[in-house]
Amino acid sequence: MKDLTKAEEQIMQIVWDLKKAFIKDIVDEMPEPKPAYNTVGTFLKILETKGFVSRKKFGNTYMYKPAIGQKAYTRASMNGFLGKYFEGSAEKLFSFMVREKDLNIEQVEDLMKKLKKND
């Protein structure tokens, strides 16, 4: 799966949230200053080429839908991140985060309980 740029990911977050959207809908959801309609359209063409969205023609415009789920993208991104920075080891990532955030044993145990609860 290809990586997304920050701008592409921002647009994809909106498409994932809306489930299906026209360019106008996406622009309306974007923060100020809002990008131009044509700019969002260009990014959607790129996202379609990368396989992230599909489109269906309605008159002289298109409706866009996610072609890749948010969870699948998150999983692929995290696996790439783990591989790039932590030799593919979730344990090394966890150890890094514990040290970086200076977590005490109670906080780590609380986190472990929350993880077990979600299983």
PDB file of N, CA and C in Angstrom:
ATOM      1  N   MET A   1       0.841  -1.175   0.000  1.00  0.00           N
ATOM      2  CA  MET A   1       0.000   0.000   0.000  1.00  0.00           C
ATOM      3  C   MET A   1       0.889   1.241   0.000  1.00  0.00           C
ATOM      4  N   LYS A   2       0.565   2.188  -0.851  1.00  0.00           N
ATOM      5  CA  LYS A   2       1.367   3.400  -0.945  1.00  0.00           C
ATOM      6  C   LYS A   2       1.101   4.318   0.245  1.00  0.00           C
ATOM      7  N   ASP A   3       2.108   5.115   0.565  1.00  0.00           N
ATOM      8  CA  ASP A   3       1.958   6.095   1.633  1.00  0.00           C
ATOM      9  C   ASP A   3       1.155   7.288   1.132  1.00  0.00           C
ATOM     10  N   LEU A   4       0.494   7.954   2.073  1.00  0.00           N
ATOM     11  CA  LEU A   4      -0.230   9.181   1.760  1.00  0.00           C
ATOM     12  C   LEU A   4       0.551  10.379   2.261  1.00  0.00           C
ATOM     13  N   THR A   5       0.488  11.471   1.505  1.00  0.00           N
ATOM     14  CA  THR A   5       1.060  12.720   1.995  1.00  0.00           C
ATOM     15  C   THR A   5       0.117  13.262   3.069  1.00  0.00           C
ATOM     16  N   LYS A   6       0.559  14.273   3.772  1.00  0.00           N
ATOM     17  CA  LYS A   6      -0.267  14.869   4.822  1.00  0.00           C
ATOM     18  C   LYS A   6      -1.588  15.392   4.245  1.00  0.00           C
ATOM     19  N   ALA A   7      -1.519  16.073   3.104  1.00  0.00           N
ATOM     20  CA  ALA A   7      -2.730  16.614   2.468  1.00  0.00           C
ATOM     21  C   ALA A   7      -3.654  15.490   1.997  1.00  0.00           C
ATOM     22  N   GLU A   8      -3.091  14.437   1.410  1.00  0.00           N
ATOM     23  CA  GLU A   8      -3.898  13.305   0.958  1.00  0.00           C
ATOM     24  C   GLU A   8      -4.578  12.626   2.140  1.00  0.00           C
ATOM     25  N   GLU A   9      -3.844  12.481   3.226  1.00  0.00           N
ATOM     26  CA  GLU A   9      -4.410  11.839   4.407  1.00  0.00           C
ATOM     27  C   GLU A   9      -5.533  12.692   5.004  1.00  0.00           C
ATOM     28  N   GLN A  10      -5.371  14.001   4.983  1.00  0.00           N
ATOM     29  CA  GLN A  10      -6.419  14.895   5.485  1.00  0.00           C
ATOM     30  C   GLN A  10      -7.707  14.710   4.675  1.00  0.00           C
ATOM     31  N   ILE A  11      -7.576  14.619   3.377  1.00  0.00           N
ATOM     32  CA  ILE A  11      -8.746  14.402   2.524  1.00  0.00           C
ATOM     33  C   ILE A  11      -9.334  13.013   2.763  1.00  0.00           C
ATOM     34  N   MET A  12      -8.481  12.009   2.883  1.00  0.00           N
ATOM     35  CA  MET A  12      -8.976  10.652   3.134  1.00  0.00           C
ATOM     36  C   MET A  12      -9.719  10.561   4.458  1.00  0.00           C
ATOM     37  N   GLN A  13      -9.248  11.262   5.488  1.00  0.00           N
ATOM     38  CA  GLN A  13      -9.955  11.242   6.773  1.00  0.00           C
ATOM     39  C   GLN A  13     -11.393  11.719   6.582  1.00  0.00           C
ATOM     40  N   ILE A  14     -11.569  12.740   5.780  1.00  0.00           N
ATOM     41  CA  ILE A  14     -12.912  13.266   5.513  1.00  0.00           C
ATOM     42  C   ILE A  14     -13.734  12.264   4.710  1.00  0.00           C
ATOM     43  N   VAL A  15     -13.134  11.667   3.680  1.00  0.00           N
ATOM     44  CA  VAL A  15     -13.852  10.679   2.869  1.00  0.00           C
ATOM     45  C   VAL A  15     -14.243   9.484   3.732  1.00  0.00           C
ATOM     46  N   TRP A  16     -13.343   9.026   4.606  1.00  0.00           N
ATOM     47  CA  TRP A  16     -13.685   7.916   5.508  1.00  0.00           C
ATOM     48  C   TRP A  16     -14.841   8.306   6.426  1.00  0.00           C
ATOM     49  N   ASP A  17     -14.811   9.512   6.956  1.00  0.00           N
ATOM     50  CA  ASP A  17     -15.876   9.958   7.860  1.00  0.00           C
ATOM     51  C   ASP A  17     -17.218  10.068   7.144  1.00  0.00           C
ATOM     52  N   LEU A  18     -17.213  10.618   5.934  1.00  0.00           N
ATOM     53  CA  LEU A  18     -18.462  10.841   5.198  1.00  0.00           C
ATOM     54  C   LEU A  18     -18.969   9.584   4.481  1.00  0.00           C
ATOM     55  N   LYS A  19     -18.110   8.625   4.245  1.00  0.00           N
ATOM     56  CA  LYS A  19     -18.413   7.367   3.543  1.00  0.00           C
ATOM     57  C   LYS A  19     -18.562   7.554   2.026  1.00  0.00           C
ATOM     58  N   LYS A  20     -19.207   8.614   1.595  1.00  0.00           N
ATOM     59  CA  LYS A  20     -19.289   8.979   0.180  1.00  0.00           C
ATOM     60  C   LYS A  20     -19.473  10.488   0.137  1.00  0.00           C
ATOM     61  N   ALA A  21     -18.825  11.113  -0.851  1.00  0.00           N
ATOM     62  CA  ALA A  21     -18.839  12.577  -0.866  1.00  0.00           C
ATOM     63  C   ALA A  21     -18.521  13.123  -2.244  1.00  0.00           C
ATOM     64  N   PHE A  22     -19.080  14.273  -2.504  1.00  0.00           N
ATOM     65  CA  PHE A  22     -18.715  15.055  -3.679  1.00  0.00           C
ATOM     66  C   PHE A  22     -17.608  16.013  -3.244  1.00  0.00           C
ATOM     67  N   ILE A  23     -16.887  16.586  -4.203  1.00  0.00           N
ATOM     68  CA  ILE A  23     -15.785  17.491  -3.875  1.00  0.00           C
ATOM     69  C   ILE A  23     -16.262  18.616  -2.964  1.00  0.00           C
ATOM     70  N   LYS A  24     -17.432  19.175  -3.245  1.00  0.00           N
ATOM     71  CA  LYS A  24     -17.973  20.261  -2.435  1.00  0.00           C
ATOM     72  C   LYS A  24     -18.119  19.836  -0.967  1.00  0.00           C
ATOM     73  N   ASP A  25     -18.590  18.605  -0.739  1.00  0.00           N
ATOM     74  CA  ASP A  25     -18.746  18.095   0.634  1.00  0.00           C
ATOM     75  C   ASP A  25     -17.403  18.054   1.355  1.00  0.00           C
ATOM     76  N   ILE A  26     -16.377  17.635   0.632  1.00  0.00           N
ATOM     77  CA  ILE A  26     -15.036  17.529   1.215  1.00  0.00           C
ATOM     78  C   ILE A  26     -14.498  18.920   1.542  1.00  0.00           C
ATOM     79  N   VAL A  27     -14.629  19.839   0.599  1.00  0.00           N
ATOM     80  CA  VAL A  27     -14.169  21.219   0.837  1.00  0.00           C
ATOM     81  C   VAL A  27     -14.887  21.806   2.048  1.00  0.00           C
ATOM     82  N   ASP A  28     -16.200  21.574   2.150  1.00  0.00           N
ATOM     83  CA  ASP A  28     -16.975  22.098   3.281  1.00  0.00           C
ATOM     84  C   ASP A  28     -16.458  21.590   4.626  1.00  0.00           C
ATOM     85  N   GLU A  29     -15.923  20.389   4.664  1.00  0.00           N
ATOM     86  CA  GLU A  29     -15.439  19.788   5.914  1.00  0.00           C
ATOM     87  C   GLU A  29     -14.015  20.212   6.271  1.00  0.00           C
ATOM     88  N   MET A  30     -13.320  20.824   5.356  1.00  0.00           N
ATOM     89  CA  MET A  30     -11.917  21.185   5.583  1.00  0.00           C
ATOM     90  C   MET A  30     -11.812  22.463   6.414  1.00  0.00           C
ATOM     91  N   PRO A  31     -10.733  22.581   7.200  1.00  0.00           N
ATOM     92  CA  PRO A  31     -10.553  23.772   8.025  1.00  0.00           C
ATOM     93  C   PRO A  31     -10.193  24.996   7.185  1.00  0.00           C
ATOM     94  N   GLU A  32     -10.389  26.147   7.773  1.00  0.00           N
ATOM     95  CA  GLU A  32      -9.992  27.410   7.127  1.00  0.00           C
ATOM     96  C   GLU A  32      -8.479  27.531   7.168  1.00  0.00           C
ATOM     97  N   PRO A  33      -7.850  28.113   6.208  1.00  0.00           N
ATOM     98  CA  PRO A  33      -8.429  28.537   4.944  1.00  0.00           C
ATOM     99  C   PRO A  33      -8.699  27.322   4.057  1.00  0.00           C
ATOM    100  N   LYS A  34      -9.893  27.260   3.528  1.00  0.00           N
ATOM    101  CA  LYS A  34     -10.298  26.118   2.713  1.00  0.00           C
ATOM    102  C   LYS A  34      -9.545  26.113   1.382  1.00  0.00           C
ATOM    103  N   PRO A  35      -9.132  24.939   0.943  1.00  0.00           N
ATOM    104  CA  PRO A  35      -8.455  24.858  -0.359  1.00  0.00           C
ATOM    105  C   PRO A  35      -9.458  25.082  -1.489  1.00  0.00           C
ATOM    106  N   ALA A  36      -8.947  25.385  -2.646  1.00  0.00           N
ATOM    107  CA  ALA A  36      -9.795  25.565  -3.824  1.00  0.00           C
ATOM    108  C   ALA A  36     -10.417  24.227  -4.227  1.00  0.00           C
ATOM    109  N   TYR A  37     -11.592  24.303  -4.794  1.00  0.00           N
ATOM    110  CA  TYR A  37     -12.313  23.138  -5.301  1.00  0.00           C
ATOM    111  C   TYR A  37     -11.420  22.320  -6.225  1.00  0.00           C
ATOM    112  N   ASN A  38     -10.732  22.992  -7.154  1.00  0.00           N
ATOM    113  CA  ASN A  38      -9.864  22.298  -8.117  1.00  0.00           C
ATOM    114  C   ASN A  38      -8.691  21.604  -7.435  1.00  0.00           C
ATOM    115  N   THR A  39      -8.185  22.188  -6.358  1.00  0.00           N
ATOM    116  CA  THR A  39      -7.080  21.571  -5.617  1.00  0.00           C
ATOM    117  C   THR A  39      -7.524  20.242  -5.012  1.00  0.00           C
ATOM    118  N   VAL A  40      -8.695  20.244  -4.383  1.00  0.00           N
ATOM    119  CA  VAL A  40      -9.230  19.004  -3.800  1.00  0.00           C
ATOM    120  C   VAL A  40      -9.483  17.982  -4.910  1.00  0.00           C
ATOM    121  N   GLY A  41      -9.995  18.444  -6.040  1.00  0.00           N
ATOM    122  CA  GLY A  41     -10.212  17.545  -7.172  1.00  0.00           C
ATOM    123  C   GLY A  41      -8.926  16.897  -7.653  1.00  0.00           C
ATOM    124  N   THR A  42      -7.849  17.671  -7.683  1.00  0.00           N
ATOM    125  CA  THR A  42      -6.545  17.132  -8.092  1.00  0.00           C
ATOM    126  C   THR A  42      -6.076  16.065  -7.115  1.00  0.00           C
ATOM    127  N   PHE A  43      -6.226  16.332  -5.820  1.00  0.00           N
ATOM    128  CA  PHE A  43      -5.829  15.335  -4.823  1.00  0.00           C
ATOM    129  C   PHE A  43      -6.673  14.076  -4.929  1.00  0.00           C
ATOM    130  N   LEU A  44      -7.959  14.224  -5.218  1.00  0.00           N
ATOM    131  CA  LEU A  44      -8.815  13.044  -5.368  1.00  0.00           C
ATOM    132  C   LEU A  44      -8.403  12.207  -6.572  1.00  0.00           C
ATOM    133  N   LYS A  45      -7.962  12.846  -7.643  1.00  0.00           N
ATOM    134  CA  LYS A  45      -7.457  12.098  -8.799  1.00  0.00           C
ATOM    135  C   LYS A  45      -6.221  11.295  -8.406  1.00  0.00           C
ATOM    136  N   ILE A  46      -5.347  11.915  -7.619  1.00  0.00           N
ATOM    137  CA  ILE A  46      -4.145  11.216  -7.143  1.00  0.00           C
ATOM    138  C   ILE A  46      -4.543  10.043  -6.255  1.00  0.00           C
ATOM    139  N   LEU A  47      -5.496  10.279  -5.353  1.00  0.00           N
ATOM    140  CA  LEU A  47      -5.952   9.214  -4.453  1.00  0.00           C
ATOM    141  C   LEU A  47      -6.607   8.073  -5.230  1.00  0.00           C
ATOM    142  N   GLU A  48      -7.288   8.405  -6.310  1.00  0.00           N
ATOM    143  CA  GLU A  48      -7.875   7.359  -7.150  1.00  0.00           C
ATOM    144  C   GLU A  48      -6.770   6.552  -7.838  1.00  0.00           C
ATOM    145  N   THR A  49      -5.756   7.235  -8.337  1.00  0.00           N
ATOM    146  CA  THR A  49      -4.623   6.562  -8.982  1.00  0.00           C
ATOM    147  C   THR A  49      -3.906   5.638  -8.000  1.00  0.00           C
ATOM    148  N   LYS A  50      -3.785   6.071  -6.759  1.00  0.00           N
ATOM    149  CA  LYS A  50      -3.141   5.264  -5.721  1.00  0.00           C
ATOM    150  C   LYS A  50      -4.044   4.139  -5.216  1.00  0.00           C
ATOM    151  N   GLY A  51      -5.319   4.152  -5.612  1.00  0.00           N
ATOM    152  CA  GLY A  51      -6.240   3.093  -5.213  1.00  0.00           C
ATOM    153  C   GLY A  51      -6.958   3.334  -3.897  1.00  0.00           C
ATOM    154  N   PHE A  52      -6.939   4.557  -3.407  1.00  0.00           N
ATOM    155  CA  PHE A  52      -7.571   4.856  -2.121  1.00  0.00           C
ATOM    156  C   PHE A  52      -9.046   5.228  -2.235  1.00  0.00           C
ATOM    157  N   VAL A  53      -9.456   5.787  -3.369  1.00  0.00           N
ATOM    158  CA  VAL A  53     -10.863   6.139  -3.577  1.00  0.00           C
ATOM    159  C   VAL A  53     -11.336   5.604  -4.922  1.00  0.00           C
ATOM    160  N   SER A  54     -12.632   5.421  -5.003  1.00  0.00           N
ATOM    161  CA  SER A  54     -13.265   5.124  -6.284  1.00  0.00           C
ATOM    162  C   SER A  54     -14.278   6.239  -6.533  1.00  0.00           C
ATOM    163  N   ARG A  55     -14.703   6.376  -7.768  1.00  0.00           N
ATOM    164  CA  ARG A  55     -15.644   7.451  -8.071  1.00  0.00           C
ATOM    165  C   ARG A  55     -16.737   6.961  -9.006  1.00  0.00           C
ATOM    166  N   LYS A  56     -17.879   7.655  -8.922  1.00  0.00           N
ATOM    167  CA  LYS A  56     -19.020   7.354  -9.776  1.00  0.00           C
ATOM    168  C   LYS A  56     -19.536   8.676 -10.312  1.00  0.00           C
ATOM    169  N   LYS A  57     -19.779   8.702 -11.609  1.00  0.00           N
ATOM    170  CA  LYS A  57     -20.196   9.942 -12.268  1.00  0.00           C
ATOM    171  C   LYS A  57     -21.683  10.208 -12.019  1.00  0.00           C
ATOM    172  N   PHE A  58     -21.978  11.452 -11.653  1.00  0.00           N
ATOM    173  CA  PHE A  58     -23.345  11.944 -11.504  1.00  0.00           C
ATOM    174  C   PHE A  58     -23.432  13.247 -12.291  1.00  0.00           C
ATOM    175  N   GLY A  59     -24.012  13.203 -13.459  1.00  0.00           N
ATOM    176  CA  GLY A  59     -24.087  14.404 -14.297  1.00  0.00           C
ATOM    177  C   GLY A  59     -22.687  14.835 -14.692  1.00  0.00           C
ATOM    178  N   ASN A  60     -22.318  16.060 -14.291  1.00  0.00           N
ATOM    179  CA  ASN A  60     -20.978  16.550 -14.639  1.00  0.00           C
ATOM    180  C   ASN A  60     -20.039  16.557 -13.425  1.00  0.00           C
ATOM    181  N   THR A  61     -20.369  15.771 -12.426  1.00  0.00           N
ATOM    182  CA  THR A  61     -19.513  15.690 -11.236  1.00  0.00           C
ATOM    183  C   THR A  61     -19.372  14.231 -10.811  1.00  0.00           C
ATOM    184  N   TYR A  62     -18.529  14.008  -9.826  1.00  0.00           N
ATOM    185  CA  TYR A  62     -18.264  12.650  -9.338  1.00  0.00           C
ATOM    186  C   TYR A  62     -18.533  12.552  -7.837  1.00  0.00           C
ATOM    187  N   MET A  63     -19.004  11.379  -7.433  1.00  0.00           N
ATOM    188  CA  MET A  63     -19.117  11.044  -6.022  1.00  0.00           C
ATOM    189  C   MET A  63     -17.968  10.096  -5.698  1.00  0.00           C
ATOM    190  N   TYR A  64     -17.262  10.374  -4.608  1.00  0.00           N
ATOM    191  CA  TYR A  64     -16.097   9.587  -4.216  1.00  0.00           C
ATOM    192  C   TYR A  64     -16.418   8.745  -2.992  1.00  0.00           C
ATOM    193  N   LYS A  65     -15.874   7.528  -2.985  1.00  0.00           N
ATOM    194  CA  LYS A  65     -16.021   6.606  -1.854  1.00  0.00           C
ATOM    195  C   LYS A  65     -14.657   6.015  -1.532  1.00  0.00           C
ATOM    196  N   PRO A  66     -14.438   5.643  -0.270  1.00  0.00           N
ATOM    197  CA  PRO A  66     -13.173   4.975   0.056  1.00  0.00           C
ATOM    198  C   PRO A  66     -13.082   3.628  -0.650  1.00  0.00           C
ATOM    199  N   ALA A  67     -11.928   3.342  -1.209  1.00  0.00           N
ATOM    200  CA  ALA A  67     -11.667   2.035  -1.805  1.00  0.00           C
ATOM    201  C   ALA A  67     -10.839   1.186  -0.842  1.00  0.00           C
ATOM    202  N   ILE A  68     -10.250   1.848   0.140  1.00  0.00           N
ATOM    203  CA  ILE A  68      -9.471   1.195   1.185  1.00  0.00           C
ATOM    204  C   ILE A  68     -10.005   1.681   2.514  1.00  0.00           C
ATOM    205  N   GLY A  69     -10.256   0.767   3.418  1.00  0.00           N
ATOM    206  CA  GLY A  69     -10.778   1.134   4.731  1.00  0.00           C
ATOM    207  C   GLY A  69      -9.724   1.822   5.593  1.00  0.00           C
ATOM    208  N   GLN A  70     -10.210   2.633   6.505  1.00  0.00           N
ATOM    209  CA  GLN A  70      -9.317   3.362   7.402  1.00  0.00           C
ATOM    210  C   GLN A  70      -8.501   2.405   8.271  1.00  0.00           C
ATOM    211  N   LYS A  71      -9.126   1.342   8.723  1.00  0.00           N
ATOM    212  CA  LYS A  71      -8.422   0.376   9.573  1.00  0.00           C
ATOM    213  C   LYS A  71      -7.295  -0.319   8.801  1.00  0.00           C
ATOM    214  N   ALA A  72      -7.540  -0.674   7.555  1.00  0.00           N
ATOM    215  CA  ALA A  72      -6.514  -1.317   6.736  1.00  0.00           C
ATOM    216  C   ALA A  72      -5.342  -0.373   6.503  1.00  0.00           C
ATOM    217  N   TYR A  73      -5.647   0.908   6.246  1.00  0.00           N
ATOM    218  CA  TYR A  73      -4.577   1.887   6.053  1.00  0.00           C
ATOM    219  C   TYR A  73      -3.784   2.085   7.337  1.00  0.00           C
ATOM    220  N   THR A  74      -4.482   2.182   8.460  1.00  0.00           N
ATOM    221  CA  THR A  74      -3.804   2.361   9.750  1.00  0.00           C
ATOM    222  C   THR A  74      -2.891   1.175  10.037  1.00  0.00           C
ATOM    223  N   ARG A  75      -3.376  -0.031   9.785  1.00  0.00           N
ATOM    224  CA  ARG A  75      -2.578  -1.240  10.018  1.00  0.00           C
ATOM    225  C   ARG A  75      -1.318  -1.229   9.155  1.00  0.00           C
ATOM    226  N   ALA A  76      -1.480  -0.914   7.879  1.00  0.00           N
ATOM    227  CA  ALA A  76      -0.332  -0.889   6.963  1.00  0.00           C
ATOM    228  C   ALA A  76       0.660   0.204   7.363  1.00  0.00           C
ATOM    229  N   SER A  77       0.146   1.361   7.757  1.00  0.00           N
ATOM    230  CA  SER A  77       1.022   2.464   8.181  1.00  0.00           C
ATOM    231  C   SER A  77       1.802   2.092   9.438  1.00  0.00           C
ATOM    232  N   MET A  78       1.113   1.494  10.393  1.00  0.00           N
ATOM    233  CA  MET A  78       1.790   1.103  11.642  1.00  0.00           C
ATOM    234  C   MET A  78       2.836   0.025  11.384  1.00  0.00           C
ATOM    235  N   ASN A  79       2.510  -0.924  10.525  1.00  0.00           N
ATOM    236  CA  ASN A  79       3.491  -1.964  10.204  1.00  0.00           C
ATOM    237  C   ASN A  79       4.719  -1.356   9.530  1.00  0.00           C
ATOM    238  N   GLY A  80       4.495  -0.386   8.641  1.00  0.00           N
ATOM    239  CA  GLY A  80       5.614   0.305   8.005  1.00  0.00           C
ATOM    240  C   GLY A  80       6.431   1.097   9.009  1.00  0.00           C
ATOM    241  N   PHE A  81       5.757   1.775   9.920  1.00  0.00           N
ATOM    242  CA  PHE A  81       6.412   2.546  10.973  1.00  0.00           C
ATOM    243  C   PHE A  81       7.240   1.631  11.875  1.00  0.00           C
ATOM    244  N   LEU A  82       6.643   0.523  12.292  1.00  0.00           N
ATOM    245  CA  LEU A  82       7.373  -0.436  13.131  1.00  0.00           C
ATOM    246  C   LEU A  82       8.612  -0.962  12.412  1.00  0.00           C
ATOM    247  N   GLY A  83       8.437  -1.299  11.153  1.00  0.00           N
ATOM    248  CA  GLY A  83       9.564  -1.833  10.388  1.00  0.00           C
ATOM    249  C   GLY A  83      10.670  -0.813  10.206  1.00  0.00           C
ATOM    250  N   LYS A  84      10.292   0.425   9.959  1.00  0.00           N
ATOM    251  CA  LYS A  84      11.266   1.478   9.677  1.00  0.00           C
ATOM    252  C   LYS A  84      12.033   1.918  10.923  1.00  0.00           C
ATOM    253  N   TYR A  85      11.344   2.017  12.054  1.00  0.00           N
ATOM    254  CA  TYR A  85      11.964   2.594  13.248  1.00  0.00           C
ATOM    255  C   TYR A  85      12.227   1.610  14.384  1.00  0.00           C
ATOM    256  N   PHE A  86      11.548   0.466  14.394  1.00  0.00           N
ATOM    257  CA  PHE A  86      11.663  -0.444  15.532  1.00  0.00           C
ATOM    258  C   PHE A  86      11.890  -1.891  15.121  1.00  0.00           C
ATOM    259  N   GLU A  87      12.512  -2.092  13.959  1.00  0.00           N
ATOM    260  CA  GLU A  87      12.847  -3.435  13.468  1.00  0.00           C
ATOM    261  C   GLU A  87      11.635  -4.365  13.460  1.00  0.00           C
ATOM    262  N   GLY A  88      10.447  -3.800  13.253  1.00  0.00           N
ATOM    263  CA  GLY A  88       9.228  -4.603  13.199  1.00  0.00           C
ATOM    264  C   GLY A  88       8.730  -5.071  14.550  1.00  0.00           C
ATOM    265  N   SER A  89       9.301  -4.563  15.632  1.00  0.00           N
ATOM    266  CA  SER A  89       8.976  -5.054  16.967  1.00  0.00           C
ATOM    267  C   SER A  89       8.052  -4.096  17.721  1.00  0.00           C
ATOM    268  N   ALA A  90       6.833  -4.573  18.021  1.00  0.00           N
ATOM    269  CA  ALA A  90       5.905  -3.792  18.837  1.00  0.00           C
ATOM    270  C   ALA A  90       6.466  -3.646  20.253  1.00  0.00           C
ATOM    271  N   GLU A  91       7.203  -4.646  20.710  1.00  0.00           N
ATOM    272  CA  GLU A  91       7.812  -4.593  22.043  1.00  0.00           C
ATOM    273  C   GLU A  91       8.819  -3.445  22.138  1.00  0.00           C
ATOM    274  N   LYS A  92       9.615  -3.263  21.093  1.00  0.00           N
ATOM    275  CA  LYS A  92      10.575  -2.152  21.087  1.00  0.00           C
ATOM    276  C   LYS A  92       9.856  -0.807  21.051  1.00  0.00           C
ATOM    277  N   LEU A  93       8.761  -0.725  20.316  1.00  0.00           N
ATOM    278  CA  LEU A  93       7.961   0.500  20.289  1.00  0.00           C
ATOM    279  C   LEU A  93       7.401   0.788  21.671  1.00  0.00           C
ATOM    280  N   PHE A  94       6.828  -0.221  22.311  1.00  0.00           N
ATOM    281  CA  PHE A  94       6.254  -0.049  23.642  1.00  0.00           C
ATOM    282  C   PHE A  94       7.324   0.379  24.641  1.00  0.00           C
ATOM    283  N   SER A  95       8.470  -0.257  24.592  1.00  0.00           N
ATOM    284  CA  SER A  95       9.580   0.087  25.483  1.00  0.00           C
ATOM    285  C   SER A  95      10.011   1.537  25.265  1.00  0.00           C
ATOM    286  N   PHE A  96      10.100   1.945  24.010  1.00  0.00           N
ATOM    287  CA  PHE A  96      10.454   3.323  23.678  1.00  0.00           C
ATOM    288  C   PHE A  96       9.436   4.296  24.267  1.00  0.00           C
ATOM    289  N   MET A  97       8.159   3.996  24.099  1.00  0.00           N
ATOM    290  CA  MET A  97       7.110   4.889  24.592  1.00  0.00           C
ATOM    291  C   MET A  97       7.121   4.968  26.128  1.00  0.00           C
ATOM    292  N   VAL A  98       7.347   3.869  26.783  1.00  0.00           N
ATOM    293  CA  VAL A  98       7.412   3.869  28.249  1.00  0.00           C
ATOM    294  C   VAL A  98       8.548   4.773  28.715  1.00  0.00           C
ATOM    295  N   ARG A  99       9.708   4.654  28.076  1.00  0.00           N
ATOM    296  CA  ARG A  99      10.851   5.492  28.459  1.00  0.00           C
ATOM    297  C   ARG A  99      10.624   6.963  28.100  1.00  0.00           C
ATOM    298  N   GLU A 100      10.113   7.221  26.890  1.00  0.00           N
ATOM    299  CA  GLU A 100       9.914   8.597  26.423  1.00  0.00           C
ATOM    300  C   GLU A 100       8.889   9.349  27.254  1.00  0.00           C
ATOM    301  N   LYS A 101       7.833   8.672  27.632  1.00  0.00           N
ATOM    302  CA  LYS A 101       6.759   9.313  28.392  1.00  0.00           C
ATOM    303  C   LYS A 101       6.963   9.175  29.898  1.00  0.00           C
ATOM    304  N   ASP A 102       8.079   8.535  30.277  1.00  0.00           N
ATOM    305  CA  ASP A 102       8.424   8.369  31.684  1.00  0.00           C
ATOM    306  C   ASP A 102       7.254   7.790  32.483  1.00  0.00           C
ATOM    307  N   LEU A 103       6.685   6.697  31.953  1.00  0.00           N
ATOM    308  CA  LEU A 103       5.555   6.053  32.605  1.00  0.00           C
ATOM    309  C   LEU A 103       6.019   5.256  33.815  1.00  0.00           C
ATOM    310  N   ASN A 104       5.239   5.323  34.889  1.00  0.00           N
ATOM    311  CA  ASN A 104       5.563   4.504  36.054  1.00  0.00           C
ATOM    312  C   ASN A 104       4.861   3.153  35.931  1.00  0.00           C
ATOM    313  N   ILE A 105       5.166   2.256  36.839  1.00  0.00           N
ATOM    314  CA  ILE A 105       4.653   0.887  36.757  1.00  0.00           C
ATOM    315  C   ILE A 105       3.126   0.846  36.828  1.00  0.00           C
ATOM    316  N   GLU A 106       2.529   1.733  37.633  1.00  0.00           N
ATOM    317  CA  GLU A 106       1.068   1.762  37.738  1.00  0.00           C
ATOM    318  C   GLU A 106       0.430   2.158  36.403  1.00  0.00           C
ATOM    319  N   GLN A 107       1.031   3.123  35.725  1.00  0.00           N
ATOM    320  CA  GLN A 107       0.502   3.551  34.437  1.00  0.00           C
ATOM    321  C   GLN A 107       0.628   2.433  33.393  1.00  0.00           C
ATOM    322  N   VAL A 108       1.738   1.717  33.426  1.00  0.00           N
ATOM    323  CA  VAL A 108       1.933   0.599  32.497  1.00  0.00           C
ATOM    324  C   VAL A 108       0.918  -0.510  32.789  1.00  0.00           C
ATOM    325  N   GLU A 109       0.719  -0.824  34.058  1.00  0.00           N
ATOM    326  CA  GLU A 109      -0.246  -1.860  34.431  1.00  0.00           C
ATOM    327  C   GLU A 109      -1.666  -1.456  34.030  1.00  0.00           C
ATOM    328  N   ASP A 110      -1.992  -0.178  34.223  1.00  0.00           N
ATOM    329  CA  ASP A 110      -3.312   0.321  33.832  1.00  0.00           C
ATOM    330  C   ASP A 110      -3.500   0.183  32.318  1.00  0.00           C
ATOM    331  N   LEU A 111      -2.468   0.512  31.572  1.00  0.00           N
ATOM    332  CA  LEU A 111      -2.517   0.368  30.121  1.00  0.00           C
ATOM    333  C   LEU A 111      -2.722  -1.098  29.730  1.00  0.00           C
ATOM    334  N   MET A 112      -1.994  -1.985  30.382  1.00  0.00           N
ATOM    335  CA  MET A 112      -2.143  -3.422  30.085  1.00  0.00           C
ATOM    336  C   MET A 112      -3.548  -3.907  30.375  1.00  0.00           C
ATOM    337  N   LYS A 113      -4.165  -3.445  31.469  1.00  0.00           N
ATOM    338  CA  LYS A 113      -5.545  -3.817  31.784  1.00  0.00           C
ATOM    339  C   LYS A 113      -6.502  -3.339  30.697  1.00  0.00           C
ATOM    340  N   LYS A 114      -6.288  -2.119  30.226  1.00  0.00           N
ATOM    341  CA  LYS A 114      -7.139  -1.577  29.164  1.00  0.00           C
ATOM    342  C   LYS A 114      -6.990  -2.390  27.873  1.00  0.00           C
ATOM    343  N   LEU A 115      -5.760  -2.786  27.574  1.00  0.00           N
ATOM    344  CA  LEU A 115      -5.533  -3.592  26.368  1.00  0.00           C
ATOM    345  C   LEU A 115      -6.220  -4.954  26.476  1.00  0.00           C
ATOM    346  N   LYS A 116      -6.118  -5.583  27.635  1.00  0.00           N
ATOM    347  CA  LYS A 116      -6.758  -6.893  27.832  1.00  0.00           C
ATOM    348  C   LYS A 116      -8.271  -6.764  27.757  1.00  0.00           C
ATOM    349  N   LYS A 117      -8.796  -5.647  28.261  1.00  0.00           N
ATOM    350  CA  LYS A 117     -10.240  -5.415  28.256  1.00  0.00           C
ATOM    351  C   LYS A 117     -10.769  -5.284  26.831  1.00  0.00           C
ATOM    352  N   ASN A 118      -9.987  -4.731  25.924  1.00  0.00           N
ATOM    353  CA  ASN A 118     -10.400  -4.540  24.537  1.00  0.00           C
ATOM    354  C   ASN A 118     -10.278  -5.808  23.704  1.00  0.00           C
ATOM    355  N   ASP A 119      -9.671  -6.841  24.219  1.00  0.00           N
ATOM    356  CA  ASP A 119      -9.531  -8.098  23.453  1.00  0.00           C
ATOM    357  C   ASP A 119     -10.773  -8.889  23.437  1.00  0.00           C
TER     358      ASP A 119
END
